[in-house]
Amino acid sequence: MALSKLVKTKDLYECQTPYLTELFDGAEYPWEMLPKIKEHIAKLLESGIPGFTLLKEGVLVGENVTIAPTATIEAPAIIGSGTEIRPGAYLRGNVICGENCVLGNSSEFKNCVLLNKVQAPHYNYVGDSVLGNFAHMGAGSICSNLKSDNKAVVIHGDEEYETGLRKIGGILADHADVGCGCVVNPGTVIGKNTSIYPLTALRGVYPADSIVKDAKTVVKRIVKE
């Protein structure tokens, strides 16, 4: 039986982060959030978020945020409570994350949304991407966000989705787990609770509750009760 390749926001994410619900509720498909991130952050900077403080102009941080001295945060950015930003992390602007995330050493983030407890801990690139709750990127895995021909990204699922956007990285649903050294090609969608074996080049839409052993081998995850 073919596994369904879901791509709508409501099928990929459960957003319970108050300052992100408007962004998620307003997007039928997750890539529709990407052009709205900067404007959404601007609204939050103007209105403020309860419990958040202004770290510097254009950067709001929640409570108990840990920022290494060698990390670089460019405005605008929203950093959720309990998040850890490790040495050498580079936030290039238009970054917004939920609570208890790990933005790791020598990892780079740009124009992206991270829900709660996302981990991108070692040498990752996350650009023009949406990462769900508990999404994890293994060491050295990257979200490639630009096609070699510079054309607009098309999402290749059960049907073709013309996004009209030249830059889209990875769309990782809640509990998606990407192994070490993977390349998430532009516009790749990884479903809920799906795990990717290391060193896999990903392209297209991968169904929920699956294990991706290589680009062409996808099996249903067996849950033991």
Protein backbone atom coordinates (compact mmCIF):
# COMPACT_ATOMS: atom_id res chain seq x y z
CA MET A 1 0.00 0.00 0.00
CA ALA A 2 1.39 3.41 -0.96
CA LEU A 3 2.18 5.72 1.93
CA SER A 4 0.42 9.08 1.86
CA LYS A 5 2.70 12.08 1.35
CA LEU A 6 1.14 14.82 3.45
CA VAL A 7 2.34 18.40 2.94
CA LYS A 8 -0.24 20.66 4.60
CA THR A 9 0.78 22.58 7.70
CA LYS A 10 -1.94 21.01 9.85
CA ASP A 11 -0.74 17.52 8.95
CA LEU A 12 2.90 18.23 9.78
CA TYR A 13 2.85 20.39 12.90
CA GLU A 14 1.09 20.93 16.21
CA CYS A 15 1.99 24.49 17.07
CA GLN A 16 1.41 25.27 20.76
CA THR A 17 3.83 28.18 20.93
CA PRO A 18 1.63 31.26 21.45
CA TYR A 19 3.81 33.70 19.49
CA LEU A 20 3.91 31.33 16.50
CA THR A 21 0.27 30.22 16.23
CA GLU A 22 -0.75 33.13 13.99
CA LEU A 23 2.07 32.31 11.57
CA PHE A 24 1.18 28.60 11.42
CA ASP A 25 -2.59 29.10 11.33
CA GLY A 26 -2.23 31.47 8.38
CA ALA A 27 -0.30 29.03 6.20
CA GLU A 28 -2.06 26.18 4.40
CA TYR A 29 1.36 24.91 3.34
CA PRO A 30 4.44 25.44 5.53
CA TRP A 31 6.58 27.08 2.84
CA GLU A 32 4.03 29.91 2.77
CA MET A 33 5.44 31.04 6.13
CA LEU A 34 8.91 31.76 4.76
CA PRO A 35 8.19 35.16 3.13
CA LYS A 36 6.27 36.21 6.28
CA ILE A 37 8.92 35.52 8.93
CA LYS A 38 10.48 38.99 8.91
CA GLU A 39 7.11 40.74 9.15
CA HIS A 40 5.96 38.40 11.91
CA ILE A 41 9.08 39.06 13.96
CA ALA A 42 8.59 42.81 13.48
CA LYS A 43 5.09 42.54 14.97
CA LEU A 44 6.43 40.62 17.96
CA LEU A 45 9.20 43.16 18.51
CA GLU A 46 6.63 45.94 18.50
CA SER A 47 4.10 44.23 20.79
CA GLY A 48 6.54 42.30 22.98
CA ILE A 49 6.18 38.78 24.34
CA PRO A 50 5.42 38.17 28.04
CA GLY A 51 8.58 37.09 29.85
CA PHE A 52 10.89 38.08 26.99
CA THR A 53 13.55 40.78 27.15
CA LEU A 54 15.36 42.77 24.49
CA LEU A 55 18.88 41.39 24.20
CA LYS A 56 19.79 44.09 21.69
CA GLU A 57 17.97 46.05 19.01
CA GLY A 58 15.81 43.61 17.06
CA VAL A 59 16.50 40.53 19.21
CA LEU A 60 14.05 39.26 21.83
CA VAL A 61 15.01 36.40 24.15
CA GLY A 62 12.95 34.37 26.60
CA GLU A 63 13.86 33.28 30.11
CA ASN A 64 16.84 31.01 30.83
CA VAL A 65 18.37 31.35 27.37
CA THR A 66 22.05 30.39 27.20
CA ILE A 67 24.19 32.15 24.58
CA ALA A 68 27.86 31.31 24.14
CA PRO A 69 30.17 34.35 23.91
CA THR A 70 31.31 33.29 20.43
CA ALA A 71 27.79 32.95 19.00
CA THR A 72 26.61 35.62 16.55
CA ILE A 73 22.98 36.76 16.46
CA GLU A 74 21.94 39.21 13.77
CA ALA A 75 18.58 40.96 14.05
CA PRO A 76 15.77 40.32 13.72
CA ALA A 77 15.44 37.22 15.84
CA ILE A 78 13.21 35.70 18.52
CA ILE A 79 14.82 33.13 20.84
CA GLY A 80 12.47 31.01 22.93
CA SER A 81 12.86 30.29 26.63
CA GLY A 82 15.34 27.63 27.67
CA THR A 83 17.10 27.64 24.30
CA GLU A 84 20.84 27.02 24.14
CA ILE A 85 22.95 28.76 21.52
CA ARG A 86 26.33 27.08 21.45
CA PRO A 87 29.81 28.37 20.49
CA GLY A 88 30.18 29.50 16.91
CA ALA A 89 26.47 29.38 16.10
CA TYR A 90 25.53 32.01 13.51
CA LEU A 91 21.98 33.39 13.33
CA ARG A 92 21.87 35.48 10.15
CA GLY A 93 18.53 37.18 10.79
CA ASN A 94 14.85 36.31 10.41
CA VAL A 95 15.22 33.43 12.86
CA ILE A 96 12.43 32.57 15.26
CA CYS A 97 12.41 29.58 17.56
CA GLY A 98 10.31 28.07 20.30
CA GLU A 99 11.34 26.78 23.70
CA ASN A 100 14.25 24.55 24.69
CA CYS A 101 15.92 24.40 21.30
CA VAL A 102 19.61 23.68 20.67
CA LEU A 103 21.31 25.85 18.05
CA GLY A 104 24.61 24.12 17.91
CA ASN A 105 28.28 24.79 17.49
CA SER A 106 29.24 26.11 14.06
CA SER A 107 25.63 25.79 12.88
CA GLU A 108 24.07 28.51 10.73
CA PHE A 109 20.44 29.62 10.70
CA LYS A 110 18.73 32.03 8.34
CA ASN A 111 15.07 32.89 7.64
CA CYS A 112 13.71 29.87 9.48
CA VAL A 113 11.10 28.83 12.03
CA LEU A 114 11.85 26.29 14.75
CA LEU A 115 9.16 24.96 17.05
CA ASN A 116 9.87 23.62 20.56
CA LYS A 117 12.81 21.34 21.39
CA VAL A 118 14.38 21.41 17.95
CA GLN A 119 17.98 20.20 17.89
CA ALA A 120 20.48 21.26 15.25
CA PRO A 121 23.54 20.73 17.43
CA HIS A 122 26.58 20.13 15.22
CA TYR A 123 27.71 21.79 11.98
CA ASN A 124 24.24 22.21 10.48
CA TYR A 125 22.84 24.68 7.96
CA VAL A 126 19.17 25.60 8.33
CA GLY A 127 18.09 28.20 5.79
CA ASP A 128 14.57 29.04 4.58
CA SER A 129 13.25 26.07 6.52
CA VAL A 130 10.53 25.07 8.99
CA LEU A 131 11.44 22.55 11.71
CA GLY A 132 8.76 21.01 13.90
CA ASN A 133 8.63 20.07 17.56
CA PHE A 134 11.46 17.70 18.55
CA ALA A 135 12.88 17.75 15.01
CA HIS A 136 16.52 16.67 15.04
CA MET A 137 19.35 17.13 12.57
CA GLY A 138 22.37 14.87 12.91
CA ALA A 139 25.91 16.20 12.77
CA GLY A 140 26.78 17.71 9.41
CA SER A 141 23.28 17.46 7.92
CA ILE A 142 22.17 20.52 5.96
CA CYS A 143 19.06 22.06 4.46
CA SER A 144 20.05 23.08 0.95
CA ASN A 145 17.82 25.98 0.00
CA LEU A 146 18.72 26.94 -3.57
CA LYS A 147 18.49 24.91 -6.77
CA SER A 148 21.51 24.86 -9.05
CA ASP A 149 19.44 26.39 -11.87
CA ASN A 150 18.12 29.17 -9.58
CA LYS A 151 14.53 28.38 -10.59
CA ALA A 152 11.56 28.40 -8.21
CA VAL A 153 11.26 25.32 -6.03
CA VAL A 154 8.60 22.72 -6.86
CA ILE A 155 7.50 20.33 -4.11
CA HIS A 156 7.30 16.82 -5.56
CA GLY A 157 4.67 14.93 -3.56
CA ASP A 158 1.56 13.02 -4.59
CA GLU A 159 1.16 16.03 -6.85
CA GLU A 160 3.41 18.90 -7.93
CA TYR A 161 3.24 22.05 -5.79
CA GLU A 162 4.44 25.20 -7.52
CA THR A 163 5.71 27.37 -4.68
CA GLY A 164 6.87 30.40 -6.64
CA LEU A 165 9.76 30.69 -4.17
CA ARG A 166 13.37 30.53 -5.30
CA LYS A 167 14.63 29.57 -1.84
CA ILE A 168 13.12 26.78 0.24
CA GLY A 169 15.20 24.50 2.43
CA GLY A 170 13.85 21.66 4.53
CA ILE A 171 10.31 21.16 5.79
CA LEU A 172 10.71 18.86 8.79
CA ALA A 173 7.55 17.83 10.62
CA ASP A 174 7.23 17.14 14.35
CA HIS A 175 9.67 14.45 15.53
CA ALA A 176 11.41 14.19 12.15
CA ASP A 177 14.93 12.83 12.63
CA VAL A 178 17.60 13.42 9.98
CA GLY A 179 20.75 11.33 10.26
CA CYS A 180 24.34 12.55 10.17
CA GLY A 181 25.71 13.86 6.90
CA CYS A 182 22.38 14.08 5.07
CA VAL A 183 21.56 16.65 2.40
CA VAL A 184 17.96 17.85 2.51
CA ASN A 185 17.57 19.15 -1.04
CA PRO A 186 15.45 22.28 -1.72
CA GLY A 187 11.80 21.79 -0.85
CA THR A 188 12.13 18.36 0.75
CA VAL A 189 9.28 17.51 3.14
CA ILE A 190 9.83 14.95 5.91
CA GLY A 191 6.68 13.70 7.64
CA LYS A 192 5.93 13.29 11.34
CA ASN A 193 7.92 10.67 13.27
CA THR A 194 10.03 9.79 10.23
CA SER A 195 13.71 8.91 10.57
CA ILE A 196 16.36 9.24 7.88
CA TYR A 197 19.44 7.03 7.72
CA PRO A 198 22.80 8.86 7.65
CA LEU A 199 24.43 10.03 4.40
CA THR A 200 21.15 10.18 2.48
CA ALA A 201 20.46 12.76 -0.22
CA LEU A 202 16.79 13.62 0.22
CA ARG A 203 14.41 14.95 -2.40
CA GLY A 204 10.62 15.12 -2.60
CA VAL A 205 8.10 14.25 0.12
CA TYR A 206 8.60 11.47 2.67
CA PRO A 207 5.54 10.07 4.48
CA ALA A 208 4.92 10.14 8.21
CA ASP A 209 5.82 7.26 10.55
CA SER A 210 8.47 5.89 8.21
CA ILE A 211 12.13 4.96 8.06
CA VAL A 212 14.08 6.19 5.05
CA LYS A 213 17.02 3.81 4.49
CA ASP A 214 18.14 5.52 1.29
CA ALA A 215 16.59 7.82 -1.32
CA LYS A 216 14.54 4.96 -2.82
CA THR A 217 13.91 2.71 0.18
CA VAL A 218 11.14 3.87 2.51
CA VAL A 219 9.54 1.45 4.98
CA LYS A 220 6.71 1.85 7.46
CA ARG A 221 7.87 2.26 11.03
CA ILE A 222 6.72 -0.64 13.23
CA VAL A 223 5.57 0.53 16.64
CA LYS A 224 5.82 -2.11 19.34
CA GLU A 225 3.09 -1.93 21.94
